[in-house]
Protein backbone atom coordinates (compact mmCIF):
# COMPACT_ATOMS: atom_id res chain seq x y z
CA MET A 1 -77.95 -88.86 -58.56
CA ALA A 2 -81.05 -87.74 -57.03
CA SER A 3 -83.65 -86.08 -58.54
CA ASP A 4 -85.61 -83.66 -57.43
CA GLY A 5 -88.68 -85.17 -58.88
CA SER A 6 -91.35 -82.72 -60.47
CA SER A 7 -92.30 -80.71 -58.15
CA PRO A 8 -93.18 -77.22 -58.85
CA ARG A 9 -91.01 -74.59 -58.66
CA ARG A 10 -90.83 -72.81 -54.89
CA GLY A 11 -88.91 -69.61 -53.85
CA GLU A 12 -88.81 -66.18 -55.32
CA GLU A 13 -87.26 -64.55 -57.95
CA SER A 14 -84.45 -62.53 -56.08
CA GLU A 15 -84.06 -59.39 -55.25
CA ARG A 16 -80.01 -58.90 -54.45
CA PHE A 17 -79.18 -57.53 -58.18
CA ARG A 18 -81.11 -54.49 -58.04
CA GLU A 19 -78.19 -51.97 -58.27
CA HIS A 20 -76.25 -54.73 -60.23
CA PRO A 21 -75.11 -52.08 -64.04
CA LEU A 22 -77.25 -55.37 -65.97
CA ALA A 23 -80.19 -54.83 -63.62
CA ARG A 24 -82.98 -53.63 -66.55
CA TYR A 25 -82.24 -57.39 -68.14
CA LEU A 26 -80.48 -59.73 -65.14
CA ASN A 27 -83.80 -62.34 -63.73
CA ALA A 28 -82.76 -64.78 -60.48
CA HIS A 29 -84.39 -66.87 -59.31
CA VAL A 30 -83.80 -68.56 -55.81
CA GLU A 31 -84.99 -71.82 -54.90
CA ALA A 32 -86.43 -72.15 -51.02
CA HIS A 33 -84.16 -74.67 -49.77
CA ALA A 34 -81.39 -72.06 -50.68
CA GLN A 35 -82.98 -69.80 -49.69
CA THR A 36 -79.52 -69.22 -46.79
CA GLY A 37 -75.61 -70.73 -47.56
CA TYR A 38 -75.26 -70.44 -51.11
CA GLU A 39 -75.52 -66.20 -50.40
CA GLU A 40 -71.92 -66.54 -51.32
CA ILE A 41 -71.90 -68.42 -54.82
CA ILE A 42 -75.10 -66.26 -55.49
CA ASP A 43 -73.31 -62.79 -55.25
CA LEU A 44 -70.10 -64.76 -57.02
CA CYS A 45 -72.05 -65.77 -59.54
CA GLY A 46 -74.28 -62.73 -60.43
CA GLY A 47 -71.21 -60.38 -60.84
CA ARG A 48 -69.98 -61.96 -63.44
CA PHE A 49 -72.50 -60.77 -65.70
CA ASP A 50 -70.59 -57.64 -67.67
CA ASP A 51 -70.82 -56.42 -71.63
CA ASP A 52 -67.76 -58.24 -71.81
CA SER A 53 -69.28 -61.89 -70.07
CA ALA A 54 -70.39 -64.71 -72.41
CA PHE A 55 -72.93 -65.70 -69.57
CA GLU A 56 -75.89 -65.67 -70.45
CA TYR A 57 -77.72 -68.30 -67.72
CA LEU A 58 -76.27 -69.67 -64.73
CA ALA A 59 -77.89 -72.52 -63.02
CA TYR A 60 -76.77 -73.69 -59.98
CA PHE A 61 -77.49 -77.87 -58.78
CA ASP A 62 -75.95 -79.39 -55.18
CA GLY A 63 -77.03 -83.25 -54.65
CA GLY A 64 -79.15 -83.57 -57.27
CA PHE A 65 -81.34 -80.49 -56.56
CA TYR A 66 -81.42 -77.36 -58.51
CA ASP A 67 -80.83 -74.45 -55.97
CA PHE A 68 -80.69 -71.17 -58.45
CA ALA A 69 -79.93 -69.81 -61.63
CA ILE A 70 -79.56 -66.30 -63.02
CA ASP A 71 -79.62 -65.22 -66.45
CA VAL A 72 -79.60 -62.50 -68.66
CA LEU A 73 -81.92 -63.92 -71.69
CA ARG A 74 -83.84 -60.29 -71.91
CA ARG A 75 -81.29 -58.81 -73.49
CA ARG A 76 -81.89 -61.45 -77.00
CA VAL A 77 -85.28 -60.25 -76.57
CA GLU A 78 -84.77 -56.93 -76.46
CA PHE A 79 -81.77 -57.33 -79.18
CA GLY A 80 -84.72 -59.46 -81.56
CA LEU A 81 -82.68 -62.38 -81.01
CA LEU A 82 -85.70 -64.03 -79.04
CA ASP A 83 -89.69 -63.63 -79.43
CA ASP A 84 -91.41 -61.91 -75.70
CA ASP A 85 -92.30 -65.23 -74.45
CA SER A 86 -88.67 -67.04 -75.25
CA PRO A 87 -87.22 -66.01 -71.85
CA ALA A 88 -89.88 -67.74 -69.68
CA VAL A 89 -90.03 -70.61 -71.67
CA ARG A 90 -85.94 -71.50 -71.20
CA ARG A 91 -86.56 -70.84 -67.46
CA GLU A 92 -88.69 -73.38 -67.12
CA ASP A 93 -86.84 -75.85 -69.60
CA TYR A 94 -83.74 -74.84 -68.43
CA PRO A 95 -83.25 -76.34 -65.50
CA SER A 96 -84.44 -79.77 -66.09
CA ALA A 97 -81.99 -80.39 -68.91
CA LEU A 98 -78.70 -79.40 -66.97
CA ARG A 99 -80.32 -81.65 -64.19
CA GLN A 100 -80.54 -83.79 -66.89
CA LEU A 101 -76.99 -83.15 -68.18
CA CYS A 102 -75.31 -84.25 -64.43
CA ILE A 103 -76.85 -87.39 -64.37
CA LYS A 104 -75.14 -87.47 -67.33
CA VAL A 105 -71.89 -86.63 -66.40
CA GLU A 106 -71.71 -88.90 -63.65
CA GLU A 107 -72.50 -91.65 -66.07
CA PHE A 108 -69.60 -90.81 -67.74
CA ASP A 109 -67.61 -90.02 -65.08
CA ARG A 110 -68.43 -93.79 -63.55
CA ALA A 111 -67.06 -94.98 -67.43
CA MET A 112 -63.98 -92.92 -67.19
CA SER A 113 -62.79 -94.13 -63.73
CA VAL A 114 -60.68 -97.15 -66.32
CA PHE A 115 -58.83 -94.41 -67.38
CA ASP A 116 -57.03 -93.88 -64.05
CA SER A 117 -57.58 -90.04 -64.66
CA GLY A 118 -59.11 -88.85 -61.77
CA GLU A 119 -63.00 -87.46 -61.61
CA LEU A 120 -64.10 -85.38 -64.15
CA LEU A 121 -64.25 -81.53 -63.25
CA ARG A 122 -65.63 -79.90 -66.82
CA THR A 123 -68.27 -81.52 -69.42
CA VAL A 124 -69.16 -78.75 -72.66
CA VAL A 125 -71.17 -79.90 -75.00
CA GLU A 126 -71.51 -78.24 -77.87
CA PHE A 127 -73.94 -77.37 -80.57
CA ASP A 128 -75.13 -75.57 -83.70
CA ASP A 129 -77.04 -73.08 -81.95
CA GLY A 130 -75.73 -72.80 -77.94
CA VAL A 131 -72.93 -74.18 -75.83
CA THR A 132 -73.49 -75.68 -72.06
CA HIS A 133 -70.64 -76.32 -69.43
CA LEU A 134 -71.24 -78.45 -65.99
CA GLY A 135 -67.99 -77.39 -63.87
CA ARG A 136 -67.61 -79.58 -60.97
CA VAL A 137 -67.40 -77.23 -57.89
CA ARG A 138 -66.98 -80.58 -55.57
CA PRO A 139 -68.26 -83.96 -55.18
CA ARG A 140 -72.07 -83.97 -57.09
CA GLU A 141 -71.80 -79.81 -56.69
CA TYR A 142 -71.98 -78.47 -59.75
CA LEU A 143 -71.94 -74.28 -62.08
CA ALA A 144 -73.65 -74.59 -65.21
CA ALA A 145 -73.06 -72.15 -67.45
CA ILE A 146 -75.11 -71.76 -71.15
CA THR A 147 -74.46 -68.84 -74.14
CA LEU A 148 -76.32 -68.92 -77.06
CA ASP A 149 -74.19 -67.89 -79.79
CA ARG A 150 -71.79 -70.84 -80.54
CA GLY A 151 -68.99 -67.70 -81.25
CA ARG A 152 -68.34 -67.44 -77.66
CA ALA A 153 -67.85 -70.84 -76.81
CA ASP A 154 -64.70 -71.21 -75.46
CA GLN A 155 -65.05 -67.47 -73.51
CA LEU A 156 -68.08 -69.54 -72.27
CA ASP A 157 -65.40 -72.00 -71.17
CA GLU A 158 -62.67 -70.13 -69.87
CA GLY A 159 -65.00 -67.91 -67.80
CA ALA A 160 -67.33 -71.18 -66.51
CA SER A 161 -64.07 -72.64 -65.43
CA THR A 162 -62.33 -69.29 -63.75
CA LEU A 163 -66.09 -69.12 -62.01
CA VAL A 164 -66.02 -72.71 -60.47
CA THR A 165 -62.24 -72.05 -59.57
CA THR A 166 -63.37 -68.84 -57.57
CA ILE A 167 -66.71 -70.86 -55.82
CA ARG A 168 -64.13 -73.57 -54.59
CA ARG A 169 -61.00 -70.84 -53.44
CA GLU A 170 -63.21 -68.14 -51.49
CA VAL A 171 -66.41 -70.49 -50.37
CA TYR A 172 -64.99 -73.45 -49.76
CA GLY A 173 -60.89 -72.80 -49.07
CA LEU A 174 -60.06 -75.33 -52.49
CA GLY A 175 -57.41 -75.18 -54.08
CA ASP A 176 -57.33 -75.01 -58.03
CA GLU A 177 -58.21 -77.99 -60.51
CA ASP A 178 -57.57 -76.26 -63.24
CA PRO A 179 -60.38 -76.59 -65.59
CA GLY A 180 -60.09 -76.57 -68.97
CA GLY A 181 -56.08 -75.87 -68.55
CA TYR A 182 -56.42 -72.00 -69.11
CA ALA A 183 -53.91 -71.08 -67.54
CA ASP A 184 -51.64 -71.02 -70.34
CA THR A 185 -53.08 -71.04 -73.55
CA ARG A 186 -49.76 -70.98 -75.50
CA VAL A 187 -49.61 -73.42 -78.54
CA ARG A 188 -46.43 -74.17 -79.19
CA PRO A 189 -45.59 -75.31 -83.48
CA LEU A 190 -43.36 -78.56 -83.51
CA ALA A 191 -39.87 -78.17 -84.76
CA GLN A 192 -40.15 -81.65 -86.83
CA PRO A 193 -43.15 -84.22 -86.42
CA SER A 194 -43.40 -86.83 -83.76
CA SER A 195 -42.76 -90.55 -84.46
CA PRO A 196 -46.16 -91.76 -83.40
CA ARG A 197 -46.99 -95.43 -82.45
CA HIS A 198 -50.20 -96.34 -85.48
CA THR A 199 -52.98 -98.71 -86.85
CA GLY A 200 -55.27 -99.57 -88.46
CA ASP A 201 -57.24 -100.25 -91.61
CA LEU A 202 -57.68 -97.45 -93.89
CA PRO A 203 -56.50 -98.01 -97.75
CA ALA A 204 -53.01 -97.22 -97.94
CA ALA A 205 -52.69 -93.41 -99.69
CA LEU A 206 -55.34 -92.56 -97.13
CA TYR A 207 -53.51 -94.42 -94.17
CA THR A 208 -50.53 -92.62 -95.03
CA GLU A 209 -51.72 -88.69 -95.22
CA MET A 210 -53.63 -89.29 -91.57
CA LEU A 211 -50.12 -90.50 -90.55
CA ARG A 212 -48.44 -87.39 -91.82
CA LEU A 213 -51.50 -84.88 -90.32
CA CYS A 214 -51.00 -86.84 -86.66
CA SER A 215 -47.56 -86.56 -86.49
CA TRP A 216 -47.80 -82.55 -86.95
CA GLN A 217 -50.54 -82.71 -84.22
CA LEU A 218 -49.14 -85.33 -81.43
CA ALA A 219 -47.59 -83.43 -79.16
CA VAL A 220 -45.86 -84.80 -75.94
CA GLY A 221 -46.44 -81.50 -74.37
CA ASP A 222 -50.29 -81.76 -74.38
CA LEU A 223 -52.38 -84.65 -77.69
CA HIS A 224 -50.98 -86.89 -77.20
CA TYR A 225 -53.94 -89.95 -78.39
CA VAL A 226 -55.71 -89.43 -81.44
CA ALA A 227 -58.31 -91.91 -83.18
CA LEU A 228 -60.22 -91.85 -86.03
CA PHE A 229 -63.72 -93.93 -86.03
CA GLN A 230 -66.11 -95.04 -88.82
CA ASN A 231 -69.55 -95.82 -88.16
CA TRP A 232 -68.75 -96.15 -84.55
CA SER A 233 -65.53 -98.34 -85.32
CA PRO A 234 -61.29 -97.55 -85.27
CA ALA A 235 -60.71 -97.51 -88.21
CA PHE A 236 -56.86 -95.61 -87.99
CA ALA A 237 -55.19 -94.69 -84.77
CA ALA A 238 -52.11 -92.50 -82.98
CA ASP A 239 -50.43 -92.26 -80.18
CA LEU A 240 -47.41 -91.40 -78.09
CA PHE A 241 -48.08 -93.59 -74.84
CA ASP A 242 -44.58 -95.21 -76.17
CA THR A 243 -42.43 -91.82 -75.16
CA ALA A 244 -39.70 -91.42 -72.34
CA ALA A 245 -42.46 -88.60 -70.78
CA LEU A 246 -44.90 -90.58 -71.20
CA GLN A 247 -44.87 -93.15 -68.31
CA LYS A 248 -45.72 -92.32 -65.49
CA TRP A 249 -48.84 -92.51 -66.91
CA PHE A 250 -48.70 -96.42 -68.23
CA ARG A 251 -46.03 -98.40 -66.93
CA GLY A 252 -46.35 -100.88 -69.24
CA ARG A 253 -50.25 -100.17 -69.59
CA GLN A 254 -50.26 -98.86 -72.91
CA ASP A 255 -51.61 -101.92 -74.45
CA ARG A 256 -54.58 -101.88 -71.92
CA ARG A 257 -55.57 -98.01 -71.81
CA ARG A 258 -55.68 -98.26 -76.64
CA LYS A 259 -58.03 -100.51 -76.11
CA GLN A 260 -59.83 -98.17 -73.11
CA TYR A 261 -60.38 -96.06 -75.75
CA GLU A 262 -61.06 -97.88 -78.64
CA ASP A 263 -64.19 -99.26 -76.14
CA PHE A 264 -65.07 -95.66 -74.34
CA GLY A 265 -65.31 -94.67 -78.73
CA ARG A 266 -67.66 -97.22 -79.45
CA GLY A 267 -69.42 -97.03 -77.06
CA LEU A 268 -69.92 -92.81 -77.88
CA ARG A 269 -72.23 -94.88 -80.68
CA SER A 270 -75.80 -95.11 -77.22
CA ASP A 271 -73.72 -93.09 -75.15
CA LEU A 272 -74.44 -89.54 -77.76
CA PRO A 273 -77.68 -89.59 -78.22
CA GLN A 274 -78.64 -90.45 -74.37
CA LEU A 275 -75.92 -87.02 -73.86
CA ALA A 276 -78.84 -84.82 -76.23
CA HIS A 277 -81.69 -86.65 -74.91
CA ALA A 278 -80.63 -85.80 -71.86
CA LEU A 279 -79.91 -81.96 -73.78
CA ARG A 280 -83.53 -82.52 -75.65
CA LEU A 281 -85.15 -79.80 -73.69
CA PHE A 282 -82.28 -76.85 -75.20
CA SER A 283 -80.92 -77.96 -78.21
CA VAL A 284 -82.44 -80.82 -80.92
CA ARG A 285 -79.46 -80.59 -82.86
CA PRO A 286 -76.45 -83.01 -83.19
CA ILE A 287 -73.67 -82.61 -81.44
CA ARG A 288 -70.93 -80.90 -82.75
CA ARG A 289 -68.32 -81.43 -79.91
CA LEU A 290 -67.86 -83.01 -76.32
CA VAL A 291 -65.14 -82.21 -73.96
CA LEU A 292 -64.92 -84.45 -70.78
CA ASP A 293 -62.36 -82.99 -68.08
CA VAL A 294 -61.15 -84.92 -65.76
CA GLN A 295 -58.40 -84.14 -62.86
CA GLU A 296 -55.23 -85.16 -65.32
CA GLY A 297 -56.44 -84.71 -69.16
CA ALA A 298 -58.79 -84.67 -71.32
CA LEU A 299 -60.33 -85.92 -74.14
CA TYR A 300 -62.86 -84.34 -76.71
CA TYR A 301 -64.71 -86.13 -79.17
CA TYR A 302 -65.11 -83.78 -82.51
CA PRO A 303 -67.47 -85.08 -85.80
CA LEU A 304 -66.58 -85.43 -89.06
CA ALA A 305 -69.04 -85.74 -91.55
CA GLY A 306 -70.44 -89.35 -92.03
CA GLU A 307 -72.82 -90.93 -89.37
CA GLY A 308 -70.80 -93.04 -87.05
CA ASP A 309 -67.08 -90.71 -88.17
CA PHE A 310 -66.32 -89.05 -85.56
CA LEU A 311 -62.53 -87.58 -83.80
CA LEU A 312 -61.93 -89.67 -80.89
CA GLY A 313 -58.46 -87.31 -79.02
CA MET A 314 -57.57 -87.53 -75.21
CA THR A 315 -53.43 -85.58 -73.69
CA TYR A 316 -53.04 -86.85 -69.79
CA HIS A 317 -51.48 -83.29 -69.07
CA GLN A 318 -54.06 -81.03 -67.66
CA PRO A 319 -51.78 -78.33 -68.05
CA GLY A 320 -52.21 -78.04 -71.95
CA VAL A 321 -56.03 -79.44 -71.92
CA TYR A 322 -56.20 -75.98 -74.12
CA GLN A 323 -53.63 -76.74 -76.13
CA ALA A 324 -54.66 -80.31 -76.70
CA GLU A 325 -58.24 -78.72 -77.60
CA LEU A 326 -57.00 -76.45 -80.20
CA ARG A 327 -54.80 -79.24 -82.47
CA LEU A 328 -57.50 -81.46 -82.25
CA ARG A 329 -59.86 -78.52 -83.37
CA GLU A 330 -56.96 -77.94 -86.28
CA LEU A 331 -56.84 -81.44 -86.96
CA ALA A 332 -60.47 -82.39 -87.29
CA GLY A 333 -60.97 -79.72 -89.92
CA GLN A 334 -57.75 -80.72 -92.17
CA VAL A 335 -59.43 -85.13 -91.14
CA ARG A 336 -62.78 -83.35 -92.48
CA ALA A 337 -61.62 -81.68 -96.18
CA LEU A 338 -58.86 -85.06 -96.56
CA LEU A 339 -62.00 -87.44 -96.07
CA SER A 340 -64.04 -85.40 -98.71
CA ALA A 341 -61.62 -84.81 -100.75
CA GLY A 342 -62.00 -88.72 -101.79
């Protein structure tokens, strides 16, 4: 991905939102090169800020260049959640952080090509003090969204995913790739536990309990794979890859996929520090959650208590991406309790 270097930011503050309902808070900056050709996208982004929106900052990147940003960070100053100088500092820092995120996301995209699940559409990185969403509009063209309220992570994510689809449709005449799998958010309880293939080297009692928990969360319609890593190494895994309904994604390559997911999980030992470093101007806290959403499903990282201890989950079913994460989110809570109990 090309970089626009360290040259000073150019352009001028946009006056197009003077009549916006949040005009007293809203700040828009458009780089000089983006003054023409981005008008529709800028208007669509500005129109998504309202009292109910989780958006606090939106930015656009095209071909490695930062194009524009819109924010309502002044609202946080008025509510006493940021000091007076913070919005200006963040407006300087966020484009650099998000540009580095674009670079890292393209590295993830290349690394995940071995899964044969399509291009990386959506990346969510969650910290204690905020959440970033990076959505791919077209190849090397991204919408970035930020909230500083971690409690609104899902709202930000769904809003940004919807906005990406709107830009694709209304500006470029492209189809809906269903980032986030938000078309159907119902999680259907399992009438009986699934029967996953399982492997690992945990103590017998812990192994049995992990298998029980995973059997009640793995489902053909959404969550297809779960692995527990301890000290960056796979300690337990369960999956439904041998199920007849999932054969269209494997066609005899199940063992190869299992090995690739193990390798990807091991690689997070270096990938996560690199990702955290890329976003250091946004947050210096540990990463609490990572979602890598491709055209056919998604991969999820949920850390546990110890260093290098985490759950890795995945689905191949794009409409089940949100449902799969809700199952994994519940499972992560159960596993944390299980491990803390000894």
